[in-house]
Amino acid sequence: MSSRGRAAATIAAMPKSDPLEILLAFDQWATGQILDECAKLSEQQFHQKFEIGPGSLHMSITHILGAMQTWTATLAERERPPRIEEDGKRRSVAELAALLQSTMAAFAEQAHRRPLDERVSRVREGKTYQFTRGAVLTHVLTHGMHHRAQCLNMLRHLGVKPLPPSSVSEWAVRVEGAG
């Protein structure tokens, strides 16, 4: 099953009016759209360097997932795991699609675990920061959108036409049947 198919199956079970549920489902679907397009590229294209974001489609998707894993640990009040984008591993599109599924499942579980107004702590470079859980969720889900936009630009430079759908309204039309 493609990442689009897995994402669609997950999305189908989601409530359609709660903004958090929409953003969680949309984020997984939209990243799956990018990965589905990347599966059509050569290995060279998938790793081609660009002067934007983390530098390649591979590194951008890896970064999105690595950040989500880090913030999931923050929400779970666990120690930050090693960043996957720092391990130097070249993951295939299929590996990243599987990682998207497991990472999003863990993130969504933590998103629902405690009230959004509760605070969590994160230590970065020796300094402790306090965030509401709602702020963490908002950051992670908008962070993914930021890097997916960079991926769309990379795909455009690679000559991909049409570009994969990537907005909440496109998700609503395709998955929710809006219109």
Foldseek 3Di string as FASTA:
>chain_A
DQLLVVLLVVLVPFDDPDVLSLLLSQLSNQLSLLLVVVLPDDPCQQQQADPDDPGGVQLLLLQLLQLLQQLLCQLVVHDGDPRPSPPPDRDHSVVSSVSSVVSSVSSVCSLPPDDQQDWTWDADPNDIDIDGNVVSSVVSSVSSLVSSVVSQVSVVVVVDPPRGDRDSVVCCCVNVVDD
